[in-house]
Amino acid sequence: MTHAPSAGSPSRQRRRTRGSSALRALVRGGPLVPAAILLAVFLIVPIMWAFIGSFTNATLTGVTATQPEWVGTANYERLFADPDFSLSLWLTLVFTLASAVIGQNVLGFAIAYLMTRASRRIAAIVGGVVVLAWVLPEIVAAFIAYAFFSREGTLNQLLGLVGLTGDNWLFIAPMATVILANIWRGTAFSMLIYRAALSEVPPDLMEAAEIDGANGWQRLVRVTLPVLRGTIATNLMLVTLQTLSVFTLIYVMTAGGPGNASATLPVFAYQEAFRFGSIAYGTAIATVMLVIGAVFSLGYIAVLRRAEADR
């Protein structure tokens, strides 16, 4: 005859422990439920809706605007055979690497590091000037950059003062101008991140390295940078994802031109979806952007976890 487990049996105790653990986890995670719901409603659902739409022939106007048909992978087949997409993908990588991974990250760290070695007044003035570009609305910053690089703009006026002849830099060097504009506007974020991180570097490590005879460069490379490895990975992830989605700055300055010479993926997706009316094709481009952003994020997260494990 089989007997039911007693109240103090190991199996019942394990079930009771699992139940109490689940209850504690639910209580701890309760405040996150509204955030998770908002995230699902305003982020996950639109992403899934857009992903499904990329497999249709939806357009901005016409019959297929209200009654799109399922076309399978036709948009993606067209996309990967489109030379304009290949060019846009290349321009996006160049723009991101030059203006975010190298420009904003390196310049932001350099300014933050120099601020730690400058007087408090000089550091405050430099920090205020750098942050000023960051706090401007993107549309305002874009018009300022346009006015600086245009044919009759500030840059050519300054060149004229020293006897040099300027040109329409937005036409002859569109990618260079938007890269410089994005560095100018976004460097403040990296500067603030690194300024806070540098203040947390243990002074005793720097003093020990100095006693061992390490010069300033050696202390930076062998002490400061290894300590900040997690911060560097976090900052790189944030500025990369932000730069991948830059649209207003480029569209105001060059509108992706001349031709498609500065049409990064956000601009290219906008042109296809709203200028040429192919909503589904533009959505397919946006989906590829999402995948690229996810790849960058996973890579940075792996580096960040490794940095945390080495602490």
C-alpha atoms as a PDB file:
ATOM      1  CA  MET A   1       0.000   0.000   0.000  1.00  0.00           C
ATOM      2  CA  THR A   2       1.402   3.452  -0.997  1.00  0.00           C
ATOM      3  CA  HIS A   3       1.519   6.074   1.723  1.00  0.00           C
ATOM      4  CA  ALA A   4       1.265   9.824   1.037  1.00  0.00           C
ATOM      5  CA  PRO A   5       4.382  11.740   1.952  1.00  0.00           C
ATOM      6  CA  SER A   6       4.328  13.192   5.434  1.00  0.00           C
ATOM      7  CA  ALA A   7       4.337  16.923   6.092  1.00  0.00           C
ATOM      8  CA  GLY A   8       8.024  16.801   6.918  1.00  0.00           C
ATOM      9  CA  SER A   9       9.074  14.508   4.043  1.00  0.00           C
ATOM     10  CA  PRO A  10      11.970  15.697   1.832  1.00  0.00           C
ATOM     11  CA  SER A  11       9.799  15.803  -1.318  1.00  0.00           C
ATOM     12  CA  ARG A  12       7.204  18.068   0.302  1.00  0.00           C
ATOM     13  CA  GLN A  13       9.938  20.296   1.727  1.00  0.00           C
ATOM     14  CA  ARG A  14      11.492  20.653  -1.721  1.00  0.00           C
ATOM     15  CA  ARG A  15       8.119  21.620  -3.229  1.00  0.00           C
ATOM     16  CA  ARG A  16       7.551  24.109  -0.429  1.00  0.00           C
ATOM     17  CA  THR A  17      11.027  25.594  -0.996  1.00  0.00           C
ATOM     18  CA  ARG A  18      10.420  25.892  -4.730  1.00  0.00           C
ATOM     19  CA  GLY A  19       7.061  27.536  -4.100  1.00  0.00           C
ATOM     20  CA  SER A  20       8.479  30.067  -1.672  1.00  0.00           C
ATOM     21  CA  SER A  21      11.363  30.827  -4.074  1.00  0.00           C
ATOM     22  CA  ALA A  22       8.912  31.414  -6.930  1.00  0.00           C
ATOM     23  CA  LEU A  23       6.816  33.663  -4.680  1.00  0.00           C
ATOM     24  CA  ARG A  24       9.862  35.702  -3.647  1.00  0.00           C
ATOM     25  CA  ALA A  25      10.935  36.025  -7.297  1.00  0.00           C
ATOM     26  CA  LEU A  26       7.439  37.205  -8.222  1.00  0.00           C
ATOM     27  CA  VAL A  27       7.433  39.786  -5.423  1.00  0.00           C
ATOM     28  CA  ARG A  28      10.873  41.088  -6.385  1.00  0.00           C
ATOM     29  CA  GLY A  29       9.953  41.265 -10.065  1.00  0.00           C
ATOM     30  CA  GLY A  30       6.502  42.740  -9.518  1.00  0.00           C
ATOM     31  CA  PRO A  31       7.533  46.385 -10.018  1.00  0.00           C
ATOM     32  CA  LEU A  32       9.036  45.441 -13.390  1.00  0.00           C
ATOM     33  CA  VAL A  33       5.735  44.147 -14.764  1.00  0.00           C
ATOM     34  CA  PRO A  34       4.414  47.571 -15.917  1.00  0.00           C
ATOM     35  CA  ALA A  35       7.737  48.318 -17.596  1.00  0.00           C
ATOM     36  CA  ALA A  36       7.687  44.931 -19.318  1.00  0.00           C
ATOM     37  CA  ILE A  37       4.142  45.553 -20.560  1.00  0.00           C
ATOM     38  CA  LEU A  38       5.056  48.998 -21.925  1.00  0.00           C
ATOM     39  CA  LEU A  39       8.156  47.530 -23.568  1.00  0.00           C
ATOM     40  CA  ALA A  40       6.071  44.846 -25.239  1.00  0.00           C
ATOM     41  CA  VAL A  41       3.368  47.256 -26.403  1.00  0.00           C
ATOM     42  CA  PHE A  42       5.579  50.037 -27.724  1.00  0.00           C
ATOM     43  CA  LEU A  43       8.676  48.105 -28.841  1.00  0.00           C
ATOM     44  CA  ILE A  44       8.255  44.371 -29.336  1.00  0.00           C
ATOM     45  CA  VAL A  45       4.825  44.504 -30.973  1.00  0.00           C
ATOM     46  CA  PRO A  46       5.793  47.212 -33.521  1.00  0.00           C
ATOM     47  CA  ILE A  47       9.005  45.321 -34.345  1.00  0.00           C
ATOM     48  CA  MET A  48       7.083  42.113 -34.971  1.00  0.00           C
ATOM     49  CA  TRP A  49       4.458  43.991 -37.006  1.00  0.00           C
ATOM     50  CA  ALA A  50       7.170  45.609 -39.129  1.00  0.00           C
ATOM     51  CA  PHE A  51       8.963  42.281 -39.573  1.00  0.00           C
ATOM     52  CA  ILE A  52       5.773  40.658 -40.839  1.00  0.00           C
ATOM     53  CA  GLY A  53       5.142  43.650 -43.109  1.00  0.00           C
ATOM     54  CA  SER A  54       8.536  43.191 -44.763  1.00  0.00           C
ATOM     55  CA  PHE A  55       7.203  39.955 -46.294  1.00  0.00           C
ATOM     56  CA  THR A  56       4.364  41.773 -48.076  1.00  0.00           C
ATOM     57  CA  ASN A  57       4.128  44.206 -50.992  1.00  0.00           C
ATOM     58  CA  ALA A  58       2.665  47.055 -48.913  1.00  0.00           C
ATOM     59  CA  THR A  59       3.016  50.503 -50.452  1.00  0.00           C
ATOM     60  CA  LEU A  60       2.306  54.065 -49.370  1.00  0.00           C
ATOM     61  CA  THR A  61      -0.532  54.567 -51.853  1.00  0.00           C
ATOM     62  CA  GLY A  62      -2.683  52.437 -54.127  1.00  0.00           C
ATOM     63  CA  VAL A  63      -4.513  49.165 -53.635  1.00  0.00           C
ATOM     64  CA  THR A  64      -1.597  47.495 -51.832  1.00  0.00           C
ATOM     65  CA  ALA A  65      -1.621  50.265 -49.247  1.00  0.00           C
ATOM     66  CA  THR A  66      -4.839  48.885 -47.763  1.00  0.00           C
ATOM     67  CA  GLN A  67      -4.753  45.323 -49.102  1.00  0.00           C
ATOM     68  CA  PRO A  68      -1.117  44.178 -49.175  1.00  0.00           C
ATOM     69  CA  GLU A  69      -0.320  40.680 -50.392  1.00  0.00           C
ATOM     70  CA  TRP A  70       2.150  38.174 -48.989  1.00  0.00           C
ATOM     71  CA  VAL A  71       5.247  37.971 -51.201  1.00  0.00           C
ATOM     72  CA  GLY A  72       7.543  35.896 -49.009  1.00  0.00           C
ATOM     73  CA  THR A  73      11.239  36.768 -49.194  1.00  0.00           C
ATOM     74  CA  ALA A  74      10.912  38.804 -52.403  1.00  0.00           C
ATOM     75  CA  ASN A  75      11.838  42.063 -50.662  1.00  0.00           C
ATOM     76  CA  TYR A  76      14.977  40.546 -49.143  1.00  0.00           C
ATOM     77  CA  GLU A  77      15.984  38.962 -52.446  1.00  0.00           C
ATOM     78  CA  ARG A  78      15.624  42.355 -54.089  1.00  0.00           C
ATOM     79  CA  LEU A  79      17.473  43.981 -51.219  1.00  0.00           C
ATOM     80  CA  PHE A  80      20.591  41.839 -51.383  1.00  0.00           C
ATOM     81  CA  ALA A  81      20.714  42.196 -55.156  1.00  0.00           C
ATOM     82  CA  ASP A  82      20.363  45.983 -54.998  1.00  0.00           C
ATOM     83  CA  PRO A  83      23.701  47.819 -55.489  1.00  0.00           C
ATOM     84  CA  ASP A  84      22.249  50.849 -53.709  1.00  0.00           C
ATOM     85  CA  PHE A  85      21.733  48.721 -50.602  1.00  0.00           C
ATOM     86  CA  SER A  86      25.337  47.488 -50.723  1.00  0.00           C
ATOM     87  CA  LEU A  87      26.538  51.072 -50.977  1.00  0.00           C
ATOM     88  CA  SER A  88      24.248  52.164 -48.134  1.00  0.00           C
ATOM     89  CA  LEU A  89      25.451  49.310 -45.924  1.00  0.00           C
ATOM     90  CA  TRP A  90      29.071  50.272 -46.570  1.00  0.00           C
ATOM     91  CA  LEU A  91      28.372  53.949 -45.856  1.00  0.00           C
ATOM     92  CA  THR A  92      26.622  53.002 -42.600  1.00  0.00           C
ATOM     93  CA  LEU A  93      29.615  50.982 -41.427  1.00  0.00           C
ATOM     94  CA  VAL A  94      32.011  53.797 -42.346  1.00  0.00           C
ATOM     95  CA  PHE A  95      29.819  56.382 -40.639  1.00  0.00           C
ATOM     96  CA  THR A  96      29.484  54.290 -37.482  1.00  0.00           C
ATOM     97  CA  LEU A  97      33.126  53.281 -37.189  1.00  0.00           C
ATOM     98  CA  ALA A  98      34.502  56.735 -38.002  1.00  0.00           C
ATOM     99  CA  SER A  99      32.100  58.902 -36.024  1.00  0.00           C
ATOM    100  CA  ALA A 100      31.225  56.642 -33.077  1.00  0.00           C
ATOM    101  CA  VAL A 101      33.710  53.824 -32.485  1.00  0.00           C
ATOM    102  CA  ILE A 102      36.751  55.982 -33.312  1.00  0.00           C
ATOM    103  CA  GLY A 103      35.638  59.621 -33.249  1.00  0.00           C
ATOM    104  CA  GLN A 104      33.285  59.987 -30.294  1.00  0.00           C
ATOM    105  CA  ASN A 105      34.866  57.240 -28.219  1.00  0.00           C
ATOM    106  CA  VAL A 106      38.501  58.285 -28.610  1.00  0.00           C
ATOM    107  CA  LEU A 107      37.877  62.020 -28.516  1.00  0.00           C
ATOM    108  CA  GLY A 108      35.498  61.713 -25.575  1.00  0.00           C
ATOM    109  CA  PHE A 109      38.058  59.733 -23.600  1.00  0.00           C
ATOM    110  CA  ALA A 110      40.869  62.133 -24.540  1.00  0.00           C
ATOM    111  CA  ILE A 111      38.890  65.172 -23.371  1.00  0.00           C
ATOM    112  CA  ALA A 112      37.836  63.429 -20.154  1.00  0.00           C
ATOM    113  CA  TYR A 113      41.407  62.341 -19.423  1.00  0.00           C
ATOM    114  CA  LEU A 114      42.804  65.823 -20.050  1.00  0.00           C
ATOM    115  CA  MET A 115      40.093  67.317 -17.835  1.00  0.00           C
ATOM    116  CA  THR A 116      41.373  65.220 -14.921  1.00  0.00           C
ATOM    117  CA  ARG A 117      44.797  66.825 -15.362  1.00  0.00           C
ATOM    118  CA  ALA A 118      43.564  70.404 -15.872  1.00  0.00           C
ATOM    119  CA  SER A 119      42.503  72.957 -13.296  1.00  0.00           C
ATOM    120  CA  ARG A 120      38.923  72.882 -12.107  1.00  0.00           C
ATOM    121  CA  ARG A 121      38.040  76.106 -13.914  1.00  0.00           C
ATOM    122  CA  ILE A 122      39.501  75.009 -17.251  1.00  0.00           C
ATOM    123  CA  ALA A 123      37.811  71.602 -16.934  1.00  0.00           C
ATOM    124  CA  ALA A 124      34.451  73.259 -16.248  1.00  0.00           C
ATOM    125  CA  ILE A 125      34.780  75.581 -19.260  1.00  0.00           C
ATOM    126  CA  VAL A 126      35.825  72.769 -21.615  1.00  0.00           C
ATOM    127  CA  GLY A 127      33.087  70.480 -20.334  1.00  0.00           C
ATOM    128  CA  GLY A 128      30.443  73.173 -20.773  1.00  0.00           C
ATOM    129  CA  VAL A 129      31.510  73.922 -24.347  1.00  0.00           C
ATOM    130  CA  VAL A 130      31.514  70.232 -25.322  1.00  0.00           C
ATOM    131  CA  VAL A 131      28.165  69.505 -23.676  1.00  0.00           C
ATOM    132  CA  LEU A 132      26.558  72.502 -25.399  1.00  0.00           C
ATOM    133  CA  ALA A 133      26.491  70.676 -28.752  1.00  0.00           C
ATOM    134  CA  TRP A 134      24.992  67.576 -27.128  1.00  0.00           C
ATOM    135  CA  VAL A 135      22.098  69.325 -25.405  1.00  0.00           C
ATOM    136  CA  LEU A 136      20.975  71.035 -28.610  1.00  0.00           C
ATOM    137  CA  PRO A 137      17.982  69.398 -30.323  1.00  0.00           C
ATOM    138  CA  GLU A 138      19.202  67.258 -33.199  1.00  0.00           C
ATOM    139  CA  ILE A 139      17.390  69.358 -35.799  1.00  0.00           C
ATOM    140  CA  VAL A 140      19.074  72.518 -34.475  1.00  0.00           C
ATOM    141  CA  ALA A 141      22.494  70.859 -34.444  1.00  0.00           C
ATOM    142  CA  ALA A 142      21.897  69.654 -38.003  1.00  0.00           C
ATOM    143  CA  PHE A 143      21.099  73.150 -39.263  1.00  0.00           C
ATOM    144  CA  ILE A 144      24.181  74.536 -37.483  1.00  0.00           C
ATOM    145  CA  ALA A 145      26.362  71.903 -39.152  1.00  0.00           C
ATOM    146  CA  TYR A 146      24.721  72.625 -42.505  1.00  0.00           C
ATOM    147  CA  ALA A 147      25.411  76.351 -42.094  1.00  0.00           C
ATOM    148  CA  PHE A 148      29.022  75.605 -41.200  1.00  0.00           C
ATOM    149  CA  PHE A 149      29.853  73.395 -44.207  1.00  0.00           C
ATOM    150  CA  SER A 150      27.672  74.975 -46.929  1.00  0.00           C
ATOM    151  CA  ARG A 151      29.141  77.053 -49.790  1.00  0.00           C
ATOM    152  CA  GLU A 152      28.436  80.372 -48.064  1.00  0.00           C
ATOM    153  CA  GLY A 153      28.917  78.918 -44.606  1.00  0.00           C
ATOM    154  CA  THR A 154      31.178  79.615 -41.669  1.00  0.00           C
ATOM    155  CA  LEU A 155      34.016  77.323 -42.780  1.00  0.00           C
ATOM    156  CA  ASN A 156      34.419  79.026 -46.139  1.00  0.00           C
ATOM    157  CA  GLN A 157      34.196  82.435 -44.480  1.00  0.00           C
ATOM    158  CA  LEU A 158      37.058  81.490 -42.179  1.00  0.00           C
ATOM    159  CA  LEU A 159      39.086  80.116 -45.078  1.00  0.00           C
ATOM    160  CA  GLY A 160      38.518  83.375 -46.943  1.00  0.00           C
ATOM    161  CA  LEU A 161      40.092  85.321 -44.077  1.00  0.00           C
ATOM    162  CA  VAL A 162      43.422  83.581 -44.714  1.00  0.00           C
ATOM    163  CA  GLY A 163      43.198  83.850 -48.499  1.00  0.00           C
ATOM    164  CA  LEU A 164      41.936  80.337 -49.231  1.00  0.00           C
ATOM    165  CA  THR A 165      39.038  79.519 -51.539  1.00  0.00           C
ATOM    166  CA  GLY A 166      36.335  77.306 -50.109  1.00  0.00           C
ATOM    167  CA  ASP A 167      33.926  74.961 -51.838  1.00  0.00           C
ATOM    168  CA  ASN A 168      30.584  73.301 -51.227  1.00  0.00           C
ATOM    169  CA  TRP A 169      31.850  70.697 -48.765  1.00  0.00           C
ATOM    170  CA  LEU A 170      28.422  69.110 -48.506  1.00  0.00           C
ATOM    171  CA  PHE A 171      28.703  68.238 -52.201  1.00  0.00           C
ATOM    172  CA  ILE A 172      32.358  67.303 -52.640  1.00  0.00           C
ATOM    173  CA  ALA A 173      32.813  65.502 -49.294  1.00  0.00           C
ATOM    174  CA  PRO A 174      29.357  64.586 -47.951  1.00  0.00           C
ATOM    175  CA  MET A 175      30.408  61.649 -45.780  1.00  0.00           C
ATOM    176  CA  ALA A 176      33.292  63.552 -44.217  1.00  0.00           C
ATOM    177  CA  THR A 177      31.007  66.439 -43.281  1.00  0.00           C
ATOM    178  CA  VAL A 178      28.320  64.286 -41.669  1.00  0.00           C
ATOM    179  CA  ILE A 179      30.968  62.262 -39.811  1.00  0.00           C
ATOM    180  CA  LEU A 180      32.552  65.426 -38.405  1.00  0.00           C
ATOM    181  CA  ALA A 181      29.129  66.821 -37.504  1.00  0.00           C
ATOM    182  CA  ASN A 182      28.168  63.642 -35.660  1.00  0.00           C
ATOM    183  CA  ILE A 183      31.474  63.618 -33.766  1.00  0.00           C
ATOM    184  CA  TRP A 184      30.932  67.255 -32.798  1.00  0.00           C
ATOM    185  CA  ARG A 185      27.435  66.581 -31.536  1.00  0.00           C
ATOM    186  CA  GLY A 186      27.938  63.212 -29.822  1.00  0.00           C
ATOM    187  CA  THR A 187      31.367  63.431 -28.178  1.00  0.00           C
ATOM    188  CA  ALA A 188      29.930  64.967 -25.007  1.00  0.00           C
ATOM    189  CA  PHE A 189      28.151  61.724 -24.102  1.00  0.00           C
ATOM    190  CA  SER A 190      31.384  59.712 -24.178  1.00  0.00           C
ATOM    191  CA  MET A 191      33.192  62.496 -22.325  1.00  0.00           C
ATOM    192  CA  LEU A 192      30.667  62.406 -19.471  1.00  0.00           C
ATOM    193  CA  ILE A 193      30.797  58.600 -19.253  1.00  0.00           C
ATOM    194  CA  TYR A 194      34.598  58.519 -19.120  1.00  0.00           C
ATOM    195  CA  ARG A 195      34.820  61.529 -16.807  1.00  0.00           C
ATOM    196  CA  ALA A 196      32.728  59.674 -14.233  1.00  0.00           C
ATOM    197  CA  ALA A 197      34.648  56.419 -14.732  1.00  0.00           C
ATOM    198  CA  LEU A 198      38.071  58.077 -14.413  1.00  0.00           C
ATOM    199  CA  SER A 199      37.086  59.525 -11.061  1.00  0.00           C
ATOM    200  CA  GLU A 200      36.541  55.960  -9.815  1.00  0.00           C
ATOM    201  CA  VAL A 201      40.007  54.646 -10.735  1.00  0.00           C
ATOM    202  CA  PRO A 202      41.673  53.674  -7.424  1.00  0.00           C
ATOM    203  CA  PRO A 203      44.389  56.250  -6.632  1.00  0.00           C
ATOM    204  CA  ASP A 204      46.542  53.603  -4.929  1.00  0.00           C
ATOM    205  CA  LEU A 205      46.917  51.757  -8.258  1.00  0.00           C
ATOM    206  CA  MET A 206      48.209  54.906  -9.932  1.00  0.00           C
ATOM    207  CA  GLU A 207      50.542  55.633  -7.013  1.00  0.00           C
ATOM    208  CA  ALA A 208      51.904  52.080  -7.072  1.00  0.00           C
ATOM    209  CA  ALA A 209      52.541  52.295 -10.823  1.00  0.00           C
ATOM    210  CA  GLU A 210      54.269  55.658 -10.383  1.00  0.00           C
ATOM    211  CA  ILE A 211      56.470  54.259  -7.610  1.00  0.00           C
ATOM    212  CA  ASP A 212      57.405  51.363  -9.916  1.00  0.00           C
ATOM    213  CA  GLY A 213      58.689  53.920 -12.408  1.00  0.00           C
ATOM    214  CA  ALA A 214      55.817  53.932 -14.915  1.00  0.00           C
ATOM    215  CA  ASN A 215      55.503  57.166 -16.879  1.00  0.00           C
ATOM    216  CA  GLY A 216      52.189  58.835 -17.753  1.00  0.00           C
ATOM    217  CA  TRP A 217      51.645  56.853 -20.961  1.00  0.00           C
ATOM    218  CA  GLN A 218      52.445  53.539 -19.267  1.00  0.00           C
ATOM    219  CA  ARG A 219      50.069  54.311 -16.395  1.00  0.00           C
ATOM    220  CA  LEU A 220      47.342  55.110 -18.919  1.00  0.00           C
ATOM    221  CA  VAL A 221      47.841  51.938 -20.978  1.00  0.00           C
ATOM    222  CA  ARG A 222      48.631  49.449 -18.219  1.00  0.00           C
ATOM    223  CA  VAL A 223      46.470  50.735 -15.364  1.00  0.00           C
ATOM    224  CA  THR A 224      43.713  53.117 -16.460  1.00  0.00           C
ATOM    225  CA  LEU A 225      42.502  51.412 -19.636  1.00  0.00           C
ATOM    226  CA  PRO A 226      42.325  47.880 -18.113  1.00  0.00           C
ATOM    227  CA  VAL A 227      40.329  49.252 -15.156  1.00  0.00           C
ATOM    228  CA  LEU A 228      37.927  50.987 -17.558  1.00  0.00           C
ATOM    229  CA  ARG A 229      37.468  48.021 -19.898  1.00  0.00           C
ATOM    230  CA  GLY A 230      33.854  47.478 -18.853  1.00  0.00           C
ATOM    231  CA  THR A 231      33.069  51.188 -19.174  1.00  0.00           C
ATOM    232  CA  ILE A 232      34.659  51.284 -22.624  1.00  0.00           C
ATOM    233  CA  ALA A 233      32.551  48.333 -23.795  1.00  0.00           C
ATOM    234  CA  THR A 234      29.370  49.916 -22.411  1.00  0.00           C
ATOM    235  CA  ASN A 235      30.106  53.280 -24.010  1.00  0.00           C
ATOM    236  CA  LEU A 236      30.954  51.673 -27.347  1.00  0.00           C
ATOM    237  CA  MET A 237      27.657  49.782 -27.342  1.00  0.00           C
ATOM    238  CA  LEU A 238      25.622  52.882 -26.556  1.00  0.00           C
ATOM    239  CA  VAL A 239      27.272  55.235 -29.062  1.00  0.00           C
ATOM    240  CA  THR A 240      27.265  52.559 -31.773  1.00  0.00           C
ATOM    241  CA  LEU A 241      23.537  51.888 -31.461  1.00  0.00           C
ATOM    242  CA  GLN A 242      22.798  55.613 -31.341  1.00  0.00           C
ATOM    243  CA  THR A 243      24.911  56.290 -34.438  1.00  0.00           C
ATOM    244  CA  LEU A 244      23.382  53.423 -36.407  1.00  0.00           C
ATOM    245  CA  SER A 245      20.010  55.177 -36.135  1.00  0.00           C
ATOM    246  CA  VAL A 246      21.136  58.743 -36.953  1.00  0.00           C
ATOM    247  CA  PHE A 247      18.725  60.176 -39.521  1.00  0.00           C
ATOM    248  CA  THR A 248      17.921  63.848 -38.921  1.00  0.00           C
ATOM    249  CA  LEU A 249      21.526  65.055 -38.969  1.00  0.00           C
ATOM    250  CA  ILE A 250      22.289  63.411 -42.311  1.00  0.00           C
ATOM    251  CA  TYR A 251      18.965  64.208 -43.940  1.00  0.00           C
ATOM    252  CA  VAL A 252      19.123  67.908 -43.080  1.00  0.00           C
ATOM    253  CA  MET A 253      22.745  68.261 -44.166  1.00  0.00           C
ATOM    254  CA  THR A 254      22.819  66.226 -47.397  1.00  0.00           C
ATOM    255  CA  ALA A 255      19.473  64.345 -47.743  1.00  0.00           C
ATOM    256  CA  GLY A 256      21.615  61.306 -48.565  1.00  0.00           C
ATOM    257  CA  GLY A 257      23.171  63.005 -51.592  1.00  0.00           C
ATOM    258  CA  PRO A 258      24.624  63.902 -53.882  1.00  0.00           C
ATOM    259  CA  GLY A 259      23.022  60.866 -55.459  1.00  0.00           C
ATOM    260  CA  ASN A 260      23.357  58.223 -52.751  1.00  0.00           C
ATOM    261  CA  ALA A 261      26.837  59.308 -51.647  1.00  0.00           C
ATOM    262  CA  SER A 262      25.771  59.772 -48.011  1.00  0.00           C
ATOM    263  CA  ALA A 263      22.625  57.629 -47.850  1.00  0.00           C
ATOM    264  CA  THR A 264      23.167  55.493 -44.777  1.00  0.00           C
ATOM    265  CA  LEU A 265      20.630  52.776 -43.989  1.00  0.00           C
ATOM    266  CA  PRO A 266      18.164  55.011 -42.075  1.00  0.00           C
ATOM    267  CA  VAL A 267      18.142  57.538 -44.934  1.00  0.00           C
ATOM    268  CA  PHE A 268      17.939  54.786 -47.558  1.00  0.00           C
ATOM    269  CA  ALA A 269      15.002  53.163 -45.743  1.00  0.00           C
ATOM    270  CA  TYR A 270      13.202  56.517 -45.543  1.00  0.00           C
ATOM    271  CA  GLN A 271      13.745  57.199 -49.235  1.00  0.00           C
ATOM    272  CA  GLU A 272      12.427  53.812 -50.297  1.00  0.00           C
ATOM    273  CA  ALA A 273       9.454  53.865 -47.928  1.00  0.00           C
ATOM    274  CA  PHE A 274       8.257  57.470 -48.219  1.00  0.00           C
ATOM    275  CA  ARG A 275       9.839  59.007 -51.296  1.00  0.00           C
ATOM    276  CA  PHE A 276       9.248  56.021 -53.570  1.00  0.00           C
ATOM    277  CA  GLY A 277       6.268  54.660 -51.627  1.00  0.00           C
ATOM    278  CA  SER A 278       7.574  51.099 -51.095  1.00  0.00           C
ATOM    279  CA  ILE A 279       6.705  50.639 -47.434  1.00  0.00           C
ATOM    280  CA  ALA A 280       7.475  46.914 -47.380  1.00  0.00           C
ATOM    281  CA  TYR A 281      10.885  47.371 -49.008  1.00  0.00           C
ATOM    282  CA  GLY A 282      11.765  50.170 -46.587  1.00  0.00           C
ATOM    283  CA  THR A 283      10.664  47.946 -43.713  1.00  0.00           C
ATOM    284  CA  ALA A 284      12.955  45.174 -44.960  1.00  0.00           C
ATOM    285  CA  ILE A 285      15.858  47.646 -44.849  1.00  0.00           C
ATOM    286  CA  ALA A 286      14.866  48.626 -41.293  1.00  0.00           C
ATOM    287  CA  THR A 287      14.811  44.943 -40.315  1.00  0.00           C
ATOM    288  CA  VAL A 288      18.367  44.525 -41.572  1.00  0.00           C
ATOM    289  CA  MET A 289      19.325  47.564 -39.494  1.00  0.00           C
ATOM    290  CA  LEU A 290      17.813  45.885 -36.459  1.00  0.00           C
ATOM    291  CA  VAL A 291      19.858  42.733 -37.073  1.00  0.00           C
ATOM    292  CA  ILE A 292      23.064  44.758 -37.455  1.00  0.00           C
ATOM    293  CA  GLY A 293      22.361  46.561 -34.195  1.00  0.00           C
ATOM    294  CA  ALA A 294      21.728  43.228 -32.460  1.00  0.00           C
ATOM    295  CA  VAL A 295      25.049  41.841 -33.728  1.00  0.00           C
ATOM    296  CA  PHE A 296      26.933  44.863 -32.415  1.00  0.00           C
ATOM    297  CA  SER A 297      25.100  44.603 -29.081  1.00  0.00           C
ATOM    298  CA  LEU A 298      25.873  40.913 -28.628  1.00  0.00           C
ATOM    299  CA  GLY A 299      29.538  41.524 -29.378  1.00  0.00           C
ATOM    300  CA  TYR A 300      29.799  44.355 -26.864  1.00  0.00           C
ATOM    301  CA  ILE A 301      27.843  42.403 -24.238  1.00  0.00           C
ATOM    302  CA  ALA A 302      30.272  39.487 -24.611  1.00  0.00           C
ATOM    303  CA  VAL A 303      33.205  41.860 -24.057  1.00  0.00           C
ATOM    304  CA  LEU A 304      31.429  43.421 -21.085  1.00  0.00           C
ATOM    305  CA  ARG A 305      30.779  40.068 -19.454  1.00  0.00           C
ATOM    306  CA  ARG A 306      34.397  39.075 -19.939  1.00  0.00           C
ATOM    307  CA  ALA A 307      35.498  42.335 -18.330  1.00  0.00           C
ATOM    308  CA  GLU A 308      33.186  41.749 -15.371  1.00  0.00           C
ATOM    309  CA  ALA A 309      34.455  38.172 -14.973  1.00  0.00           C
ATOM    310  CA  ASP A 310      38.086  39.357 -14.885  1.00  0.00           C
ATOM    311  CA  ARG A 311      37.456  41.754 -11.994  1.00  0.00           C
END
